[in-house]
Amino acid sequence: DLHSFPTRRSSDLEPVVIVDIPASIAGYLPEILQMPSTCVLVANASLTAARDMARWRDVLGPNTRERRTLHVLNHTDAYGGLREAEFARAAGQPPDVVIAYDRDLATTANLGVKAMQKCPLFKFGMAKMVHDVTGEPLEKPSSIFRRIFRS
């Protein structure tokens, strides 16, 4: 029973715990989705995903001081997907984090190359999401001179 768990403040918890729950199961677990201090919803840029995002935000309710929902829009600009403004209109509000589609991501995965090294669009989107979830400061891009004369 979920109600038998002790109530804990976010300061008592480990910094981040990630649980990937498929949407087909999550609908049966509304109490669990209300428990974390940050619930991250990830959607692709399809119209179906935009409508689902609006429904999930209704289920989870508005953000409060204790709990918030972070919406990540993944694979924007991919073939057949909605543009960001169209997605925001269909979902009822804009996403909090946008991770743009990067064709090189699949190539790097197949070659065993770290995506953060070779895919700047992916790196930027992930850095924004990590910042929003953990509060870690965003890394400022270094200037061309700093990269050339790095010692």
N, C-alpha and C. Protein backbone atom coordinates (compact mmCIF):
# COMPACT_ATOMS: atom_id res chain seq x y z
N ASP A 1 0.84 -1.18 0.00
CA ASP A 1 0.00 0.00 0.00
C ASP A 1 0.89 1.24 0.00
N LEU A 2 0.64 2.16 -0.90
CA LEU A 2 1.46 3.35 -1.02
C LEU A 2 1.34 4.26 0.18
N HIS A 3 0.20 4.24 0.84
CA HIS A 3 -0.02 5.15 1.96
C HIS A 3 0.77 4.73 3.19
N SER A 4 1.34 3.52 3.21
CA SER A 4 2.11 3.08 4.37
C SER A 4 3.56 3.55 4.31
N PHE A 5 4.00 4.13 3.16
CA PHE A 5 5.35 4.64 3.07
C PHE A 5 5.48 5.90 3.93
N PRO A 6 6.61 6.06 4.63
CA PRO A 6 6.78 7.28 5.41
C PRO A 6 6.92 8.48 4.49
N THR A 7 6.41 9.60 4.93
CA THR A 7 6.53 10.83 4.16
C THR A 7 7.92 11.41 4.40
N ARG A 8 8.62 11.74 3.30
CA ARG A 8 9.97 12.27 3.43
C ARG A 8 10.08 13.56 2.64
N ARG A 9 10.85 14.47 3.17
CA ARG A 9 11.10 15.72 2.46
C ARG A 9 12.15 15.46 1.39
N SER A 10 12.18 16.30 0.36
CA SER A 10 13.15 16.10 -0.71
C SER A 10 14.58 16.22 -0.20
N SER A 11 14.82 16.98 0.88
CA SER A 11 16.17 17.11 1.42
C SER A 11 16.66 15.82 2.07
N ASP A 12 15.74 14.90 2.41
CA ASP A 12 16.10 13.63 3.02
C ASP A 12 16.42 12.56 1.99
N LEU A 13 16.12 12.81 0.73
CA LEU A 13 16.25 11.80 -0.31
C LEU A 13 17.61 11.89 -1.00
N GLU A 14 17.96 10.81 -1.68
CA GLU A 14 19.13 10.82 -2.52
C GLU A 14 18.91 11.89 -3.59
N PRO A 15 20.00 12.43 -4.17
CA PRO A 15 19.83 13.53 -5.13
C PRO A 15 18.90 13.21 -6.31
N VAL A 16 19.09 12.05 -6.95
CA VAL A 16 18.27 11.74 -8.11
C VAL A 16 18.04 10.23 -8.17
N VAL A 17 16.79 9.85 -8.36
CA VAL A 17 16.44 8.46 -8.61
C VAL A 17 15.61 8.46 -9.89
N ILE A 18 16.02 7.67 -10.87
CA ILE A 18 15.33 7.66 -12.16
C ILE A 18 14.63 6.32 -12.33
N VAL A 19 13.34 6.40 -12.62
CA VAL A 19 12.54 5.21 -12.88
C VAL A 19 11.81 5.43 -14.20
N ASP A 20 12.01 4.54 -15.13
CA ASP A 20 11.36 4.63 -16.44
C ASP A 20 10.11 3.77 -16.40
N ILE A 21 8.95 4.41 -16.44
CA ILE A 21 7.68 3.70 -16.37
C ILE A 21 6.98 3.84 -17.72
N PRO A 22 6.69 2.73 -18.40
CA PRO A 22 5.97 2.83 -19.68
C PRO A 22 4.59 3.46 -19.48
N ALA A 23 4.16 4.22 -20.45
CA ALA A 23 2.86 4.89 -20.35
C ALA A 23 1.72 3.90 -20.16
N SER A 24 1.85 2.70 -20.73
CA SER A 24 0.77 1.71 -20.60
C SER A 24 0.59 1.25 -19.15
N ILE A 25 1.63 1.33 -18.34
CA ILE A 25 1.55 0.94 -16.94
C ILE A 25 1.31 2.15 -16.04
N ALA A 26 1.88 3.28 -16.40
CA ALA A 26 1.82 4.48 -15.57
C ALA A 26 0.38 4.90 -15.28
N GLY A 27 -0.53 4.68 -16.19
CA GLY A 27 -1.92 5.05 -15.97
C GLY A 27 -2.55 4.35 -14.78
N TYR A 28 -2.01 3.22 -14.39
CA TYR A 28 -2.53 2.48 -13.24
C TYR A 28 -1.85 2.88 -11.94
N LEU A 29 -0.89 3.80 -11.99
CA LEU A 29 -0.09 4.14 -10.83
C LEU A 29 -0.10 5.64 -10.53
N PRO A 30 -1.25 6.29 -10.48
CA PRO A 30 -1.24 7.75 -10.29
C PRO A 30 -0.61 8.19 -8.98
N GLU A 31 -0.75 7.39 -7.91
CA GLU A 31 -0.15 7.78 -6.63
C GLU A 31 1.37 7.78 -6.71
N ILE A 32 1.93 6.82 -7.43
CA ILE A 32 3.38 6.76 -7.56
C ILE A 32 3.89 7.94 -8.37
N LEU A 33 3.16 8.35 -9.39
CA LEU A 33 3.57 9.49 -10.20
C LEU A 33 3.50 10.80 -9.42
N GLN A 34 2.72 10.83 -8.36
CA GLN A 34 2.60 12.04 -7.53
C GLN A 34 3.70 12.10 -6.47
N MET A 35 4.43 10.99 -6.23
CA MET A 35 5.41 10.92 -5.14
C MET A 35 6.70 11.70 -5.38
N PRO A 36 7.32 11.62 -6.53
CA PRO A 36 8.63 12.27 -6.65
C PRO A 36 8.53 13.79 -6.62
N SER A 37 9.63 14.43 -6.23
CA SER A 37 9.64 15.89 -6.22
C SER A 37 9.70 16.44 -7.64
N THR A 38 10.27 15.67 -8.55
CA THR A 38 10.28 16.05 -9.97
C THR A 38 9.89 14.85 -10.81
N CYS A 39 8.86 15.01 -11.59
CA CYS A 39 8.42 13.97 -12.51
C CYS A 39 8.76 14.45 -13.92
N VAL A 40 9.57 13.67 -14.64
CA VAL A 40 10.00 14.05 -15.99
C VAL A 40 9.18 13.27 -17.00
N LEU A 41 8.47 13.98 -17.86
CA LEU A 41 7.70 13.36 -18.93
C LEU A 41 8.44 13.62 -20.24
N VAL A 42 8.72 12.56 -20.98
CA VAL A 42 9.45 12.68 -22.24
C VAL A 42 8.51 12.32 -23.38
N ALA A 43 8.48 13.16 -24.41
CA ALA A 43 7.61 12.92 -25.55
C ALA A 43 8.36 13.20 -26.83
N ASN A 44 7.97 12.49 -27.89
CA ASN A 44 8.50 12.84 -29.20
C ASN A 44 7.62 13.94 -29.78
N ALA A 45 7.88 14.37 -30.98
CA ALA A 45 7.19 15.53 -31.56
C ALA A 45 5.93 15.17 -32.34
N SER A 46 5.33 14.03 -32.06
CA SER A 46 4.12 13.64 -32.78
C SER A 46 2.87 14.29 -32.17
N LEU A 47 1.80 14.37 -32.95
CA LEU A 47 0.54 14.91 -32.46
C LEU A 47 -0.02 14.04 -31.35
N THR A 48 0.12 12.74 -31.47
CA THR A 48 -0.35 11.82 -30.43
C THR A 48 0.37 12.11 -29.11
N ALA A 49 1.67 12.29 -29.17
CA ALA A 49 2.45 12.57 -27.96
C ALA A 49 2.04 13.91 -27.35
N ALA A 50 1.74 14.90 -28.18
CA ALA A 50 1.30 16.20 -27.66
C ALA A 50 -0.02 16.06 -26.91
N ARG A 51 -0.93 15.31 -27.46
CA ARG A 51 -2.22 15.09 -26.78
C ARG A 51 -2.03 14.29 -25.50
N ASP A 52 -1.16 13.29 -25.54
CA ASP A 52 -0.86 12.51 -24.33
C ASP A 52 -0.23 13.40 -23.26
N MET A 53 0.65 14.30 -23.67
CA MET A 53 1.30 15.20 -22.72
C MET A 53 0.26 16.05 -22.00
N ALA A 54 -0.70 16.57 -22.72
CA ALA A 54 -1.76 17.36 -22.10
C ALA A 54 -2.54 16.52 -21.10
N ARG A 55 -2.83 15.28 -21.45
CA ARG A 55 -3.56 14.39 -20.53
C ARG A 55 -2.73 14.08 -19.28
N TRP A 56 -1.44 13.79 -19.47
CA TRP A 56 -0.59 13.49 -18.32
C TRP A 56 -0.45 14.68 -17.39
N ARG A 57 -0.36 15.88 -17.95
CA ARG A 57 -0.28 17.07 -17.09
C ARG A 57 -1.57 17.23 -16.29
N ASP A 58 -2.72 16.90 -16.87
CA ASP A 58 -3.97 16.94 -16.13
C ASP A 58 -3.98 15.92 -14.99
N VAL A 59 -3.48 14.72 -15.27
CA VAL A 59 -3.43 13.67 -14.24
C VAL A 59 -2.52 14.09 -13.09
N LEU A 60 -1.36 14.64 -13.41
CA LEU A 60 -0.37 15.00 -12.39
C LEU A 60 -0.71 16.28 -11.66
N GLY A 61 -1.48 17.14 -12.28
CA GLY A 61 -1.87 18.39 -11.64
C GLY A 61 -0.81 19.47 -11.80
N PRO A 62 -1.12 20.65 -11.28
CA PRO A 62 -0.18 21.77 -11.43
C PRO A 62 1.07 21.59 -10.57
N ASN A 63 2.11 22.31 -10.92
CA ASN A 63 3.32 22.30 -10.11
C ASN A 63 3.04 22.95 -8.76
N THR A 64 3.70 22.44 -7.73
CA THR A 64 3.58 22.99 -6.38
C THR A 64 4.99 23.22 -5.84
N ARG A 65 5.10 23.72 -4.62
CA ARG A 65 6.41 23.90 -4.01
C ARG A 65 7.10 22.56 -3.78
N GLU A 66 6.33 21.52 -3.51
CA GLU A 66 6.89 20.20 -3.19
C GLU A 66 7.12 19.32 -4.41
N ARG A 67 6.39 19.57 -5.48
CA ARG A 67 6.45 18.67 -6.63
C ARG A 67 6.23 19.45 -7.91
N ARG A 68 6.99 19.04 -8.94
CA ARG A 68 6.81 19.68 -10.23
C ARG A 68 6.94 18.66 -11.35
N THR A 69 6.39 19.01 -12.47
CA THR A 69 6.47 18.16 -13.66
C THR A 69 7.34 18.88 -14.68
N LEU A 70 8.30 18.16 -15.21
CA LEU A 70 9.22 18.68 -16.21
C LEU A 70 8.92 17.96 -17.52
N HIS A 71 8.63 18.72 -18.56
CA HIS A 71 8.31 18.11 -19.86
C HIS A 71 9.49 18.26 -20.80
N VAL A 72 9.98 17.11 -21.28
CA VAL A 72 11.09 17.08 -22.24
C VAL A 72 10.54 16.70 -23.60
N LEU A 73 10.76 17.55 -24.57
CA LEU A 73 10.36 17.27 -25.94
C LEU A 73 11.59 16.76 -26.68
N ASN A 74 11.56 15.50 -27.07
CA ASN A 74 12.70 14.82 -27.68
C ASN A 74 12.46 14.68 -29.18
N HIS A 75 13.52 14.73 -29.95
CA HIS A 75 13.50 14.52 -31.41
C HIS A 75 12.71 15.59 -32.13
N THR A 76 12.83 16.85 -31.71
CA THR A 76 12.18 17.90 -32.50
C THR A 76 12.88 17.98 -33.84
N ASP A 77 12.19 18.43 -34.81
CA ASP A 77 12.69 18.58 -36.18
C ASP A 77 12.95 17.25 -36.87
N ALA A 78 12.54 16.15 -36.29
CA ALA A 78 12.67 14.86 -36.98
C ALA A 78 11.59 14.80 -38.06
N TYR A 79 11.83 14.00 -39.06
CA TYR A 79 10.89 13.89 -40.17
C TYR A 79 9.51 13.47 -39.65
N GLY A 80 8.48 14.20 -40.04
CA GLY A 80 7.11 13.86 -39.69
C GLY A 80 6.66 14.41 -38.35
N GLY A 81 7.53 15.01 -37.58
CA GLY A 81 7.16 15.54 -36.28
C GLY A 81 6.62 16.95 -36.37
N LEU A 82 5.90 17.37 -35.34
CA LEU A 82 5.40 18.74 -35.28
C LEU A 82 6.54 19.69 -34.95
N ARG A 83 6.41 20.90 -35.42
CA ARG A 83 7.37 21.93 -35.02
C ARG A 83 7.08 22.26 -33.56
N GLU A 84 8.06 22.85 -32.89
CA GLU A 84 7.93 23.10 -31.45
C GLU A 84 6.70 23.94 -31.10
N ALA A 85 6.44 24.99 -31.87
CA ALA A 85 5.27 25.85 -31.60
C ALA A 85 3.96 25.08 -31.80
N GLU A 86 3.89 24.25 -32.83
CA GLU A 86 2.69 23.43 -33.07
C GLU A 86 2.50 22.43 -31.93
N PHE A 87 3.59 21.82 -31.50
CA PHE A 87 3.52 20.86 -30.39
C PHE A 87 3.01 21.55 -29.13
N ALA A 88 3.55 22.73 -28.83
CA ALA A 88 3.14 23.47 -27.63
C ALA A 88 1.65 23.80 -27.68
N ARG A 89 1.17 24.19 -28.84
CA ARG A 89 -0.26 24.50 -28.98
C ARG A 89 -1.10 23.26 -28.75
N ALA A 90 -0.70 22.11 -29.29
CA ALA A 90 -1.46 20.87 -29.11
C ALA A 90 -1.37 20.34 -27.69
N ALA A 91 -0.22 20.55 -27.03
CA ALA A 91 -0.02 20.04 -25.67
C ALA A 91 -0.58 20.99 -24.61
N GLY A 92 -0.88 22.21 -25.00
CA GLY A 92 -1.45 23.15 -24.05
C GLY A 92 -0.42 24.06 -23.40
N GLN A 93 0.85 23.76 -23.56
CA GLN A 93 1.91 24.63 -23.06
C GLN A 93 3.24 24.18 -23.66
N PRO A 94 4.22 25.07 -23.68
CA PRO A 94 5.50 24.70 -24.29
C PRO A 94 6.27 23.73 -23.40
N PRO A 95 7.17 22.95 -24.00
CA PRO A 95 8.00 22.04 -23.21
C PRO A 95 9.02 22.83 -22.38
N ASP A 96 9.47 22.21 -21.29
CA ASP A 96 10.49 22.84 -20.45
C ASP A 96 11.88 22.67 -21.04
N VAL A 97 12.12 21.53 -21.67
CA VAL A 97 13.41 21.22 -22.26
C VAL A 97 13.17 20.66 -23.66
N VAL A 98 13.99 21.08 -24.61
CA VAL A 98 13.88 20.58 -25.97
C VAL A 98 15.20 19.93 -26.36
N ILE A 99 15.12 18.69 -26.82
CA ILE A 99 16.29 17.99 -27.33
C ILE A 99 16.06 17.80 -28.82
N ALA A 100 16.83 18.53 -29.60
CA ALA A 100 16.65 18.51 -31.05
C ALA A 100 17.11 17.19 -31.64
N TYR A 101 16.52 16.83 -32.75
CA TYR A 101 16.91 15.63 -33.47
C TYR A 101 18.31 15.82 -34.04
N ASP A 102 19.15 14.83 -33.85
CA ASP A 102 20.51 14.89 -34.36
C ASP A 102 20.80 13.58 -35.09
N ARG A 103 20.92 13.66 -36.41
CA ARG A 103 21.16 12.44 -37.21
C ARG A 103 22.41 11.71 -36.79
N ASP A 104 23.39 12.43 -36.31
CA ASP A 104 24.66 11.82 -35.92
C ASP A 104 24.54 10.96 -34.67
N LEU A 105 23.46 11.11 -33.91
CA LEU A 105 23.32 10.35 -32.67
C LEU A 105 23.30 8.85 -32.93
N ALA A 106 22.54 8.41 -33.92
CA ALA A 106 22.49 6.98 -34.24
C ALA A 106 23.84 6.48 -34.72
N THR A 107 24.52 7.28 -35.51
CA THR A 107 25.83 6.88 -36.02
C THR A 107 26.83 6.73 -34.88
N THR A 108 26.83 7.68 -33.95
CA THR A 108 27.78 7.59 -32.84
C THR A 108 27.50 6.37 -31.97
N ALA A 109 26.22 6.06 -31.77
CA ALA A 109 25.88 4.88 -30.96
C ALA A 109 26.38 3.61 -31.64
N ASN A 110 26.22 3.52 -32.94
CA ASN A 110 26.67 2.33 -33.67
C ASN A 110 28.19 2.19 -33.66
N LEU A 111 28.89 3.31 -33.62
CA LEU A 111 30.36 3.28 -33.65
C LEU A 111 30.97 3.23 -32.24
N GLY A 112 30.13 3.30 -31.22
CA GLY A 112 30.64 3.27 -29.85
C GLY A 112 31.25 4.59 -29.40
N VAL A 113 30.89 5.68 -30.07
CA VAL A 113 31.39 7.00 -29.71
C VAL A 113 30.40 7.63 -28.73
N LYS A 114 30.91 8.32 -27.73
CA LYS A 114 30.04 8.98 -26.76
C LYS A 114 29.27 10.11 -27.43
N ALA A 115 27.95 10.07 -27.27
CA ALA A 115 27.09 11.07 -27.90
C ALA A 115 27.40 12.48 -27.42
N MET A 116 27.78 12.62 -26.17
CA MET A 116 28.05 13.94 -25.63
C MET A 116 29.27 14.58 -26.32
N GLN A 117 30.15 13.77 -26.87
CA GLN A 117 31.34 14.32 -27.54
C GLN A 117 31.04 14.74 -28.97
N LYS A 118 30.19 14.04 -29.66
CA LYS A 118 30.00 14.25 -31.09
C LYS A 118 28.67 14.87 -31.49
N CYS A 119 27.76 15.03 -30.57
CA CYS A 119 26.42 15.53 -30.91
C CYS A 119 26.08 16.76 -30.06
N PRO A 120 26.46 17.95 -30.51
CA PRO A 120 26.25 19.14 -29.69
C PRO A 120 24.78 19.44 -29.39
N LEU A 121 23.88 19.14 -30.31
CA LEU A 121 22.46 19.39 -30.04
C LEU A 121 21.96 18.50 -28.90
N PHE A 122 22.37 17.25 -28.92
CA PHE A 122 22.01 16.31 -27.86
C PHE A 122 22.63 16.76 -26.53
N LYS A 123 23.89 17.12 -26.56
CA LYS A 123 24.60 17.55 -25.35
C LYS A 123 23.92 18.76 -24.73
N PHE A 124 23.55 19.74 -25.54
CA PHE A 124 22.90 20.94 -25.02
C PHE A 124 21.55 20.60 -24.38
N GLY A 125 20.75 19.78 -25.05
CA GLY A 125 19.45 19.40 -24.50
C GLY A 125 19.57 18.62 -23.21
N MET A 126 20.51 17.69 -23.15
CA MET A 126 20.71 16.90 -21.93
C MET A 126 21.22 17.77 -20.78
N ALA A 127 22.12 18.70 -21.09
CA ALA A 127 22.64 19.59 -20.05
C ALA A 127 21.52 20.42 -19.43
N LYS A 128 20.61 20.90 -20.27
CA LYS A 128 19.47 21.69 -19.77
C LYS A 128 18.58 20.82 -18.89
N MET A 129 18.34 19.58 -19.30
CA MET A 129 17.50 18.70 -18.49
C MET A 129 18.16 18.38 -17.15
N VAL A 130 19.44 18.06 -17.17
CA VAL A 130 20.17 17.77 -15.92
C VAL A 130 20.15 18.98 -15.00
N HIS A 131 20.32 20.16 -15.56
CA HIS A 131 20.25 21.38 -14.76
C HIS A 131 18.88 21.54 -14.12
N ASP A 132 17.82 21.33 -14.89
CA ASP A 132 16.47 21.49 -14.37
C ASP A 132 16.13 20.45 -13.30
N VAL A 133 16.67 19.25 -13.41
CA VAL A 133 16.37 18.19 -12.44
C VAL A 133 17.23 18.31 -11.19
N THR A 134 18.54 18.55 -11.37
CA THR A 134 19.45 18.50 -10.23
C THR A 134 19.88 19.86 -9.71
N GLY A 135 19.75 20.90 -10.53
CA GLY A 135 20.23 22.21 -10.13
C GLY A 135 21.70 22.43 -10.42
N GLU A 136 22.34 21.43 -11.04
CA GLU A 136 23.75 21.58 -11.41
C GLU A 136 23.87 22.75 -12.39
N PRO A 137 24.90 23.58 -12.24
CA PRO A 137 25.03 24.71 -13.16
C PRO A 137 25.30 24.26 -14.58
N LEU A 138 24.77 25.02 -15.52
CA LEU A 138 25.03 24.74 -16.93
C LEU A 138 26.46 25.12 -17.26
N GLU A 139 27.10 24.29 -18.07
CA GLU A 139 28.46 24.57 -18.50
C GLU A 139 28.41 25.66 -19.57
N LYS A 140 29.15 26.72 -19.35
CA LYS A 140 29.18 27.80 -20.33
C LYS A 140 30.07 27.39 -21.49
N PRO A 141 29.64 27.65 -22.73
CA PRO A 141 30.49 27.30 -23.87
C PRO A 141 31.77 28.11 -23.83
N SER A 142 32.87 27.45 -24.08
CA SER A 142 34.15 28.16 -24.06
C SER A 142 34.36 28.87 -25.40
N SER A 143 35.12 29.93 -25.33
CA SER A 143 35.38 30.70 -26.55
C SER A 143 36.35 29.92 -27.44
N ILE A 144 36.40 30.32 -28.67
CA ILE A 144 37.29 29.67 -29.63
C ILE A 144 38.74 29.83 -29.18
N PHE A 145 39.09 31.00 -28.61
CA PHE A 145 40.46 31.22 -28.14
C PHE A 145 40.81 30.30 -26.97
N ARG A 146 39.88 30.12 -26.07
CA ARG A 146 40.13 29.24 -24.92
C ARG A 146 40.34 27.80 -25.39
N ARG A 147 39.55 27.38 -26.38
CA ARG A 147 39.71 26.00 -26.88
C ARG A 147 41.05 25.83 -27.61
N ILE A 148 41.49 26.85 -28.34
CA ILE A 148 42.75 26.76 -29.08
C ILE A 148 43.94 26.78 -28.13
N PHE A 149 43.90 27.69 -27.14
CA PHE A 149 45.05 27.89 -26.28
C PHE A 149 44.90 27.19 -24.92
N ARG A 150 44.05 26.17 -24.86
CA ARG A 150 43.85 25.42 -23.62
C ARG A 150 45.17 24.77 -23.23
N SER A 151 45.56 24.95 -21.98
CA SER A 151 46.84 24.37 -21.56
C SER A 151 46.65 23.14 -20.73
